[in-house]
Structures are given as structure tokens and as C-alpha cells.
Amino acid sequence: MRYTIIMDKETFQKHIQTEHQSSPVSTYLEECVYGGTDGIVTTFAVVAGFSGANLGDQTLNLSVITVLLFGLANLIADGAAMGLGNYLSIKSAKSLYQSTYQMELKEIKESYDYEIAETEYLFQEQGFNKKDSKTLTQIVSKNTDYWVKLMIQHECELENMENISAVKNGAATFISFLIFGFIPLIPYFLNLNHSNSFYLSILFTIFALASLGFIRGKVASDNIIKSIFETIIIGGLAASLAFIIGTLFKH
């Protein structure tokens, strides 16, 4: 026996939150992974670069202070650059989408028959037969706004940026960069053992990458072990390059 389901905005939003596990982390997962990975690798690059160059040959305390100074400066500056870069990128994408929207809207008004034929062709490219493509085009063309957005998506291959906040996405990138990028510096703040700070930083870096991989796998409903392994390998390879380059400047 089939039941009639009444769908409204509240019911739909509840479905998204419960069934699709919508959350701030899932909404900004891309920014968290992108900013977090870059933060870890970039900060560890400073640590590894100094350790590889053996700056501690003069005085160990100077080396620790130097690592912290450059590490924090790099963390804040690069984090801000990442966040602002993401902000500007989204703003540019929004502007491009809006200009393309106006262009497509103008084409629909001035070349209606051509746009109808083009829409039918695009539906056929999506796997619909000619009859269904014509029917769908007739329905879609009744809603000009939806029609324009459909053409932008399938003809121009541009993502609709209306619901994407440049400020929030930029902030998510910056915050993720700071949180995960700070982890490799923790051993130098704790000063547990000066001689082991770099080796502890390696462990903290692996932990940070593993944590990011876990979050990535959990939120994306992917294989968590695979996600952790991929994140550690990719981030580890990038981070190890800094140490190799640092050894080239070894005293």
C-alpha cells in the first residue's frame, strides 16, 4: 500500500540533515581538507627545512626559537593567503556565473528557437530520446530562470555559486589551515626534549594527517583506513621534500 507524502521545506531540510548527515563539516569538507593538508605540509616544511639544514649547530635554543618564529609567521601569513585566495576565487566564480547568466538570458530572448533546439540536443546528450527531450524542453522553457541555469550547467559547464558564501568558505580554509598547521609546531612549544623536537614533530605531523584523513573518510562515507593512508602518503611525500631541500643547505 502506497502512502501520499506531503513534502514541504521543513520536511525536506530535515531529510537532508538526517539522511544525508548535513553538517558544517560536510558543507565545508573541501575547504577543511584543502586548508588542513596545506597547513600541515607548509608548517612542517619550515620545521623540516631548518632541521635538514642543521641550524642547531650554533645553539640549540636559537634553533628552536627560529623554528617557532618562522613557523608561526608562516602559519598565519600562508593561512591568511589561503583563506583570502579562496575568498577571491569564489567571488570571481560568482561574477563569471552572473555574467554568463545575463548572456544566456539574452540569447534566450533574442534566439529563442535556436536555444530550444540546443536544449533538446543537450537533453539527448544526457541520454533522453528525441521525444522525451522535446517534452522536457517544453516544460523547462516555461521557467526562464531554471532554463538559463540549466544551460549554464550543461552548455557552459559552470557551477551555480548562488548558495556558496565566499566569506564562510574563506574562513573555513583559514581556520582549518591554522588548526592543523599548528600541530607540527606543538613539540617545539612543549620543549619536552630539544634534541627530539624534530622527531616528535614528525609524529605529530603524521597524527595530524591521519586525523584529517579520518575526518575526510568519515564525513564523505568513504573507507576510513584508505582515506587515512592516502592522506598520510600524499601529505608525507610533500612534507619530506622540504627536509630533502633543507639538507642541500647543510653546513
C-alpha atoms as a PDB file:
ATOM      1  CA  MET A   1       0.000   0.000   0.000  1.00  0.00           C
ATOM      2  CA  ARG A   2       1.398   3.361  -1.043  1.00  0.00           C
ATOM      3  CA  TYR A   3       1.035   6.495   1.061  1.00  0.00           C
ATOM      4  CA  THR A   4       0.884  10.086  -0.128  1.00  0.00           C
ATOM      5  CA  ILE A   5       3.875  12.041   1.102  1.00  0.00           C
ATOM      6  CA  ILE A   6       3.471  15.764   1.557  1.00  0.00           C
ATOM      7  CA  MET A   7       6.796  17.490   1.001  1.00  0.00           C
ATOM      8  CA  ASP A   8       7.450  20.979   2.279  1.00  0.00           C
ATOM      9  CA  LYS A   9      10.612  22.985   3.007  1.00  0.00           C
ATOM     10  CA  GLU A  10      10.784  21.899   6.655  1.00  0.00           C
ATOM     11  CA  THR A  11      10.389  18.210   5.794  1.00  0.00           C
ATOM     12  CA  PHE A  12      12.968  18.481   3.036  1.00  0.00           C
ATOM     13  CA  GLN A  13      15.542  20.187   5.295  1.00  0.00           C
ATOM     14  CA  LYS A  14      15.000  17.538   7.983  1.00  0.00           C
ATOM     15  CA  HIS A  15      15.578  14.809   5.402  1.00  0.00           C
ATOM     16  CA  ILE A  16      18.845  16.424   4.290  1.00  0.00           C
ATOM     17  CA  GLN A  17      20.126  16.714   7.872  1.00  0.00           C
ATOM     18  CA  THR A  18      19.176  13.187   8.975  1.00  0.00           C
ATOM     19  CA  GLU A  19      19.557  11.023   5.889  1.00  0.00           C
ATOM     20  CA  HIS A  20      22.441  12.865   4.246  1.00  0.00           C
ATOM     21  CA  GLN A  21      24.106  13.870   7.537  1.00  0.00           C
ATOM     22  CA  SER A  22      24.389  17.508   6.581  1.00  0.00           C
ATOM     23  CA  SER A  23      26.663  19.422   8.967  1.00  0.00           C
ATOM     24  CA  PRO A  24      29.099  22.375   8.908  1.00  0.00           C
ATOM     25  CA  VAL A  25      31.984  19.916   8.443  1.00  0.00           C
ATOM     26  CA  SER A  26      30.338  18.194   5.477  1.00  0.00           C
ATOM     27  CA  THR A  27      29.392  21.560   3.980  1.00  0.00           C
ATOM     28  CA  TYR A  28      32.985  22.789   4.125  1.00  0.00           C
ATOM     29  CA  LEU A  29      34.746  19.425   3.769  1.00  0.00           C
ATOM     30  CA  GLU A  30      36.668  20.538   0.695  1.00  0.00           C
ATOM     31  CA  GLU A  31      37.951  23.643   2.478  1.00  0.00           C
ATOM     32  CA  CYS A  32      38.853  21.623   5.608  1.00  0.00           C
ATOM     33  CA  VAL A  33      40.843  19.040   3.648  1.00  0.00           C
ATOM     34  CA  TYR A  34      42.449  21.577   1.318  1.00  0.00           C
ATOM     35  CA  GLY A  35      43.344  24.094   4.031  1.00  0.00           C
ATOM     36  CA  GLY A  36      44.265  21.442   6.617  1.00  0.00           C
ATOM     37  CA  THR A  37      46.589  19.499   4.328  1.00  0.00           C
ATOM     38  CA  ASP A  38      48.312  22.648   3.108  1.00  0.00           C
ATOM     39  CA  GLY A  39      48.652  23.902   6.683  1.00  0.00           C
ATOM     40  CA  ILE A  40      50.276  20.666   7.870  1.00  0.00           C
ATOM     41  CA  VAL A  41      52.647  20.377   4.941  1.00  0.00           C
ATOM     42  CA  THR A  42      53.563  24.075   4.847  1.00  0.00           C
ATOM     43  CA  THR A  43      54.303  24.296   8.578  1.00  0.00           C
ATOM     44  CA  PHE A  44      56.226  21.039   8.639  1.00  0.00           C
ATOM     45  CA  ALA A  45      58.205  22.337   5.664  1.00  0.00           C
ATOM     46  CA  VAL A  46      59.589  25.079   7.911  1.00  0.00           C
ATOM     47  CA  VAL A  47      60.447  22.575  10.662  1.00  0.00           C
ATOM     48  CA  ALA A  48      61.976  20.095   8.249  1.00  0.00           C
ATOM     49  CA  GLY A  49      63.831  22.775   6.332  1.00  0.00           C
ATOM     50  CA  PHE A  50      65.575  24.093   9.450  1.00  0.00           C
ATOM     51  CA  SER A  51      66.302  20.614  10.761  1.00  0.00           C
ATOM     52  CA  GLY A  52      67.659  19.494   7.424  1.00  0.00           C
ATOM     53  CA  ALA A  53      69.960  22.492   7.267  1.00  0.00           C
ATOM     54  CA  ASN A  54      71.144  21.806  10.841  1.00  0.00           C
ATOM     55  CA  LEU A  55      70.676  25.353  12.065  1.00  0.00           C
ATOM     56  CA  GLY A  56      71.105  23.996  15.568  1.00  0.00           C
ATOM     57  CA  ASP A  57      74.886  23.704  15.113  1.00  0.00           C
ATOM     58  CA  GLN A  58      75.351  27.108  16.783  1.00  0.00           C
ATOM     59  CA  THR A  59      72.963  26.914  19.758  1.00  0.00           C
ATOM     60  CA  LEU A  60      70.045  24.579  20.107  1.00  0.00           C
ATOM     61  CA  ASN A  61      67.852  27.190  21.797  1.00  0.00           C
ATOM     62  CA  LEU A  62      68.331  29.572  18.877  1.00  0.00           C
ATOM     63  CA  SER A  63      67.250  26.812  16.524  1.00  0.00           C
ATOM     64  CA  VAL A  64      64.051  26.173  18.499  1.00  0.00           C
ATOM     65  CA  ILE A  65      63.226  29.890  18.663  1.00  0.00           C
ATOM     66  CA  THR A  66      63.932  30.232  14.956  1.00  0.00           C
ATOM     67  CA  VAL A  67      61.656  27.320  14.089  1.00  0.00           C
ATOM     68  CA  LEU A  68      58.844  28.784  16.214  1.00  0.00           C
ATOM     69  CA  LEU A  69      59.307  32.290  14.830  1.00  0.00           C
ATOM     70  CA  PHE A  70      59.301  31.280  11.196  1.00  0.00           C
ATOM     71  CA  GLY A  71      56.745  28.543  11.777  1.00  0.00           C
ATOM     72  CA  LEU A  72      54.184  30.870  13.339  1.00  0.00           C
ATOM     73  CA  ALA A  73      54.829  33.637  10.841  1.00  0.00           C
ATOM     74  CA  ASN A  74      54.437  31.176   8.018  1.00  0.00           C
ATOM     75  CA  LEU A  75      51.313  29.675   9.602  1.00  0.00           C
ATOM     76  CA  ILE A  76      49.493  32.989   9.929  1.00  0.00           C
ATOM     77  CA  ALA A  77      50.659  34.532   6.638  1.00  0.00           C
ATOM     78  CA  ASP A  78      50.060  31.459   4.487  1.00  0.00           C
ATOM     79  CA  GLY A  79      46.775  30.733   6.265  1.00  0.00           C
ATOM     80  CA  ALA A  80      45.559  34.234   5.527  1.00  0.00           C
ATOM     81  CA  ALA A  81      46.738  33.929   1.920  1.00  0.00           C
ATOM     82  CA  MET A  82      44.894  30.628   1.550  1.00  0.00           C
ATOM     83  CA  GLY A  83      41.690  31.993   3.069  1.00  0.00           C
ATOM     84  CA  LEU A  84      41.769  35.226   1.078  1.00  0.00           C
ATOM     85  CA  GLY A  85      42.709  33.309  -2.060  1.00  0.00           C
ATOM     86  CA  ASN A  86      39.691  31.058  -1.660  1.00  0.00           C
ATOM     87  CA  TYR A  87      37.504  34.104  -0.967  1.00  0.00           C
ATOM     88  CA  LEU A  88      38.677  35.896  -4.120  1.00  0.00           C
ATOM     89  CA  SER A  89      38.379  32.705  -6.158  1.00  0.00           C
ATOM     90  CA  ILE A  90      34.730  32.250  -5.182  1.00  0.00           C
ATOM     91  CA  LYS A  91      33.985  35.945  -5.748  1.00  0.00           C
ATOM     92  CA  SER A  92      35.462  35.661  -9.247  1.00  0.00           C
ATOM     93  CA  ALA A  93      33.482  32.482  -9.939  1.00  0.00           C
ATOM     94  CA  LYS A  94      30.289  34.232  -8.798  1.00  0.00           C
ATOM     95  CA  SER A  95      30.976  37.175 -11.101  1.00  0.00           C
ATOM     96  CA  LEU A  96      31.654  34.849 -14.030  1.00  0.00           C
ATOM     97  CA  TYR A  97      28.435  32.940 -13.325  1.00  0.00           C
ATOM     98  CA  GLN A  98      26.389  36.141 -13.193  1.00  0.00           C
ATOM     99  CA  SER A  99      27.838  37.492 -16.440  1.00  0.00           C
ATOM    100  CA  THR A 100      27.213  34.128 -18.123  1.00  0.00           C
ATOM    101  CA  TYR A 101      23.653  34.139 -16.755  1.00  0.00           C
ATOM    102  CA  GLN A 102      22.966  37.514 -18.357  1.00  0.00           C
ATOM    103  CA  MET A 103      24.492  36.339 -21.638  1.00  0.00           C
ATOM    104  CA  GLU A 104      22.360  33.168 -21.718  1.00  0.00           C
ATOM    105  CA  LEU A 105      19.260  35.129 -20.761  1.00  0.00           C
ATOM    106  CA  LYS A 106      19.881  37.485 -23.667  1.00  0.00           C
ATOM    107  CA  GLU A 107      20.346  34.563 -26.067  1.00  0.00           C
ATOM    108  CA  ILE A 108      17.041  33.015 -24.964  1.00  0.00           C
ATOM    109  CA  LYS A 109      15.222  36.298 -25.635  1.00  0.00           C
ATOM    110  CA  GLU A 110      16.932  37.022 -28.949  1.00  0.00           C
ATOM    111  CA  SER A 111      17.420  33.489 -30.331  1.00  0.00           C
ATOM    112  CA  TYR A 112      14.550  31.569 -28.777  1.00  0.00           C
ATOM    113  CA  ASP A 113      14.186  28.868 -31.465  1.00  0.00           C
ATOM    114  CA  TYR A 114      17.914  28.195 -31.530  1.00  0.00           C
ATOM    115  CA  GLU A 115      18.043  27.853 -27.734  1.00  0.00           C
ATOM    116  CA  ILE A 116      15.071  25.457 -27.841  1.00  0.00           C
ATOM    117  CA  ALA A 117      16.910  23.267 -30.355  1.00  0.00           C
ATOM    118  CA  GLU A 118      20.090  23.496 -28.312  1.00  0.00           C
ATOM    119  CA  THR A 119      18.267  22.457 -25.131  1.00  0.00           C
ATOM    120  CA  GLU A 120      16.721  19.459 -26.883  1.00  0.00           C
ATOM    121  CA  TYR A 121      20.193  18.449 -28.053  1.00  0.00           C
ATOM    122  CA  LEU A 122      21.617  18.765 -24.516  1.00  0.00           C
ATOM    123  CA  PHE A 123      18.873  16.524 -23.126  1.00  0.00           C
ATOM    124  CA  GLN A 124      19.669  13.946 -25.797  1.00  0.00           C
ATOM    125  CA  GLU A 125      23.316  14.131 -24.764  1.00  0.00           C
ATOM    126  CA  GLN A 126      22.165  13.276 -21.231  1.00  0.00           C
ATOM    127  CA  GLY A 127      20.573  10.053 -22.517  1.00  0.00           C
ATOM    128  CA  PHE A 128      16.967  11.073 -23.280  1.00  0.00           C
ATOM    129  CA  ASN A 129      15.376  10.134 -26.603  1.00  0.00           C
ATOM    130  CA  LYS A 130      14.161  12.796 -29.040  1.00  0.00           C
ATOM    131  CA  LYS A 131      10.541  12.652 -27.900  1.00  0.00           C
ATOM    132  CA  ASP A 132      11.374  12.991 -24.202  1.00  0.00           C
ATOM    133  CA  SER A 133      13.970  15.685 -24.953  1.00  0.00           C
ATOM    134  CA  LYS A 134      11.339  17.743 -26.766  1.00  0.00           C
ATOM    135  CA  THR A 135       8.840  17.267 -23.921  1.00  0.00           C
ATOM    136  CA  LEU A 136      11.398  18.181 -21.255  1.00  0.00           C
ATOM    137  CA  THR A 137      12.454  21.252 -23.232  1.00  0.00           C
ATOM    138  CA  GLN A 138       8.854  22.427 -23.475  1.00  0.00           C
ATOM    139  CA  ILE A 139       8.469  22.087 -19.707  1.00  0.00           C
ATOM    140  CA  VAL A 140      11.814  23.660 -18.795  1.00  0.00           C
ATOM    141  CA  SER A 141      11.379  26.614 -21.152  1.00  0.00           C
ATOM    142  CA  LYS A 142       8.317  27.687 -19.129  1.00  0.00           C
ATOM    143  CA  ASN A 143      10.640  28.579 -16.240  1.00  0.00           C
ATOM    144  CA  THR A 144      13.131  31.041 -17.658  1.00  0.00           C
ATOM    145  CA  ASP A 145      15.368  31.203 -14.576  1.00  0.00           C
ATOM    146  CA  TYR A 146      15.672  27.419 -14.337  1.00  0.00           C
ATOM    147  CA  TRP A 147      16.197  27.164 -18.094  1.00  0.00           C
ATOM    148  CA  VAL A 148      19.053  29.659 -18.047  1.00  0.00           C
ATOM    149  CA  LYS A 149      20.721  27.867 -15.117  1.00  0.00           C
ATOM    150  CA  LEU A 150      20.314  24.525 -16.887  1.00  0.00           C
ATOM    151  CA  MET A 151      22.028  25.901 -19.994  1.00  0.00           C
ATOM    152  CA  ILE A 152      24.865  27.341 -17.910  1.00  0.00           C
ATOM    153  CA  GLN A 153      25.390  23.984 -16.203  1.00  0.00           C
ATOM    154  CA  HIS A 154      25.352  21.772 -19.307  1.00  0.00           C
ATOM    155  CA  GLU A 155      26.457  24.155 -22.058  1.00  0.00           C
ATOM    156  CA  CYS A 156      28.991  26.323 -20.233  1.00  0.00           C
ATOM    157  CA  GLU A 157      29.822  23.718 -17.544  1.00  0.00           C
ATOM    158  CA  LEU A 158      29.792  26.293 -14.749  1.00  0.00           C
ATOM    159  CA  GLU A 159      28.741  25.549 -11.172  1.00  0.00           C
ATOM    160  CA  ASN A 160      25.899  27.562  -9.651  1.00  0.00           C
ATOM    161  CA  MET A 161      27.601  29.647  -6.933  1.00  0.00           C
ATOM    162  CA  GLU A 162      24.467  31.337  -5.542  1.00  0.00           C
ATOM    163  CA  ASN A 163      24.403  29.365  -2.287  1.00  0.00           C
ATOM    164  CA  ILE A 164      28.164  29.391  -1.747  1.00  0.00           C
ATOM    165  CA  SER A 165      29.461  32.017   0.679  1.00  0.00           C
ATOM    166  CA  ALA A 166      32.867  33.423  -0.217  1.00  0.00           C
ATOM    167  CA  VAL A 167      33.322  34.691   3.362  1.00  0.00           C
ATOM    168  CA  LYS A 168      32.396  31.404   5.058  1.00  0.00           C
ATOM    169  CA  ASN A 169      34.426  29.263   2.658  1.00  0.00           C
ATOM    170  CA  GLY A 170      37.435  31.536   3.006  1.00  0.00           C
ATOM    171  CA  ALA A 171      37.106  31.456   6.797  1.00  0.00           C
ATOM    172  CA  ALA A 172      36.793  27.648   6.778  1.00  0.00           C
ATOM    173  CA  THR A 173      40.008  27.363   4.772  1.00  0.00           C
ATOM    174  CA  PHE A 174      41.853  29.774   7.079  1.00  0.00           C
ATOM    175  CA  ILE A 175      40.663  28.117  10.299  1.00  0.00           C
ATOM    176  CA  SER A 176      41.447  24.611   9.038  1.00  0.00           C
ATOM    177  CA  PHE A 177      44.899  25.795   7.946  1.00  0.00           C
ATOM    178  CA  LEU A 178      45.608  27.240  11.404  1.00  0.00           C
ATOM    179  CA  ILE A 179      44.299  24.290  13.425  1.00  0.00           C
ATOM    180  CA  PHE A 180      46.020  21.508  11.512  1.00  0.00           C
ATOM    181  CA  GLY A 181      49.065  23.597  10.607  1.00  0.00           C
ATOM    182  CA  PHE A 182      49.773  24.318  14.276  1.00  0.00           C
ATOM    183  CA  ILE A 183      50.101  20.620  15.194  1.00  0.00           C
ATOM    184  CA  PRO A 184      53.657  20.106  13.807  1.00  0.00           C
ATOM    185  CA  LEU A 185      54.825  23.037  15.974  1.00  0.00           C
ATOM    186  CA  ILE A 186      53.441  21.673  19.248  1.00  0.00           C
ATOM    187  CA  PRO A 187      56.646  19.767  20.249  1.00  0.00           C
ATOM    188  CA  TYR A 188      58.664  22.974  19.955  1.00  0.00           C
ATOM    189  CA  PHE A 189      56.232  24.783  22.267  1.00  0.00           C
ATOM    190  CA  LEU A 190      56.220  21.993  24.812  1.00  0.00           C
ATOM    191  CA  ASN A 191      60.029  21.792  24.791  1.00  0.00           C
ATOM    192  CA  LEU A 192      59.814  18.215  26.002  1.00  0.00           C
ATOM    193  CA  ASN A 193      63.283  17.422  24.750  1.00  0.00           C
ATOM    194  CA  HIS A 194      65.142  19.807  22.494  1.00  0.00           C
ATOM    195  CA  SER A 195      67.097  17.088  20.774  1.00  0.00           C
ATOM    196  CA  ASN A 196      63.932  15.149  19.970  1.00  0.00           C
ATOM    197  CA  SER A 197      61.693  18.038  18.940  1.00  0.00           C
ATOM    198  CA  PHE A 198      62.050  17.363  15.228  1.00  0.00           C
ATOM    199  CA  TYR A 199      61.339  13.648  15.581  1.00  0.00           C
ATOM    200  CA  LEU A 200      58.320  14.411  17.748  1.00  0.00           C
ATOM    201  CA  SER A 201      57.192  16.914  15.123  1.00  0.00           C
ATOM    202  CA  ILE A 202      57.272  14.110  12.542  1.00  0.00           C
ATOM    203  CA  LEU A 203      54.973  12.012  14.741  1.00  0.00           C
ATOM    204  CA  PHE A 204      52.677  14.980  15.340  1.00  0.00           C
ATOM    205  CA  THR A 205      52.582  15.628  11.582  1.00  0.00           C
ATOM    206  CA  ILE A 206      51.613  12.020  10.884  1.00  0.00           C
ATOM    207  CA  PHE A 207      48.945  12.287  13.582  1.00  0.00           C
ATOM    208  CA  ALA A 208      47.605  15.497  12.012  1.00  0.00           C
ATOM    209  CA  LEU A 209      47.467  13.922   8.548  1.00  0.00           C
ATOM    210  CA  ALA A 210      45.822  10.783   9.959  1.00  0.00           C
ATOM    211  CA  SER A 211      43.220  12.915  11.787  1.00  0.00           C
ATOM    212  CA  LEU A 212      42.474  14.834   8.616  1.00  0.00           C
ATOM    213  CA  GLY A 213      42.195  11.570   6.690  1.00  0.00           C
ATOM    214  CA  PHE A 214      39.819  10.189   9.312  1.00  0.00           C
ATOM    215  CA  ILE A 215      37.574  13.268   9.093  1.00  0.00           C
ATOM    216  CA  ARG A 216      37.673  13.111   5.317  1.00  0.00           C
ATOM    217  CA  GLY A 217      36.697   9.439   5.249  1.00  0.00           C
ATOM    218  CA  LYS A 218      34.052   9.746   7.970  1.00  0.00           C
ATOM    219  CA  VAL A 219      32.240  12.746   6.510  1.00  0.00           C
ATOM    220  CA  ALA A 220      32.461  11.501   2.906  1.00  0.00           C
ATOM    221  CA  SER A 221      31.361   7.988   3.976  1.00  0.00           C
ATOM    222  CA  ASP A 222      34.495   6.629   2.338  1.00  0.00           C
ATOM    223  CA  ASN A 223      36.772   3.811   3.508  1.00  0.00           C
ATOM    224  CA  ILE A 224      38.367   5.402   6.585  1.00  0.00           C
ATOM    225  CA  ILE A 225      41.552   3.299   6.528  1.00  0.00           C
ATOM    226  CA  LYS A 226      42.056   4.073   2.841  1.00  0.00           C
ATOM    227  CA  SER A 227      41.382   7.764   3.426  1.00  0.00           C
ATOM    228  CA  ILE A 228      43.895   7.930   6.306  1.00  0.00           C
ATOM    229  CA  PHE A 229      46.526   6.060   4.304  1.00  0.00           C
ATOM    230  CA  GLU A 230      46.085   8.280   1.225  1.00  0.00           C
ATOM    231  CA  THR A 231      46.276  11.472   3.273  1.00  0.00           C
ATOM    232  CA  ILE A 232      49.422  10.363   5.118  1.00  0.00           C
ATOM    233  CA  ILE A 233      51.169   9.209   1.923  1.00  0.00           C
ATOM    234  CA  ILE A 234      50.330  12.286  -0.155  1.00  0.00           C
ATOM    235  CA  GLY A 235      50.990  14.743   2.675  1.00  0.00           C
ATOM    236  CA  GLY A 236      54.098  12.847   3.770  1.00  0.00           C
ATOM    237  CA  LEU A 237      55.630  12.924   0.302  1.00  0.00           C
ATOM    238  CA  ALA A 238      55.074  16.669   0.036  1.00  0.00           C
ATOM    239  CA  ALA A 239      56.453  17.302   3.539  1.00  0.00           C
ATOM    240  CA  SER A 240      59.538  15.124   3.012  1.00  0.00           C
ATOM    241  CA  LEU A 241      60.601  17.277   0.047  1.00  0.00           C
ATOM    242  CA  ALA A 242      61.222  20.175   2.439  1.00  0.00           C
ATOM    243  CA  PHE A 243      63.652  18.118   4.514  1.00  0.00           C
ATOM    244  CA  ILE A 244      65.480  16.952   1.379  1.00  0.00           C
ATOM    245  CA  ILE A 245      65.819  20.532   0.153  1.00  0.00           C
ATOM    246  CA  GLY A 246      66.943  21.605   3.619  1.00  0.00           C
ATOM    247  CA  THR A 247      69.807  19.082   3.533  1.00  0.00           C
ATOM    248  CA  LEU A 248      71.135  20.785   0.423  1.00  0.00           C
ATOM    249  CA  PHE A 249      71.938  23.800   2.619  1.00  0.00           C
ATOM    250  CA  LYS A 250      73.539  21.735   5.341  1.00  0.00           C
ATOM    251  CA  HIS A 251      76.655  23.334   6.876  1.00  0.00           C
END
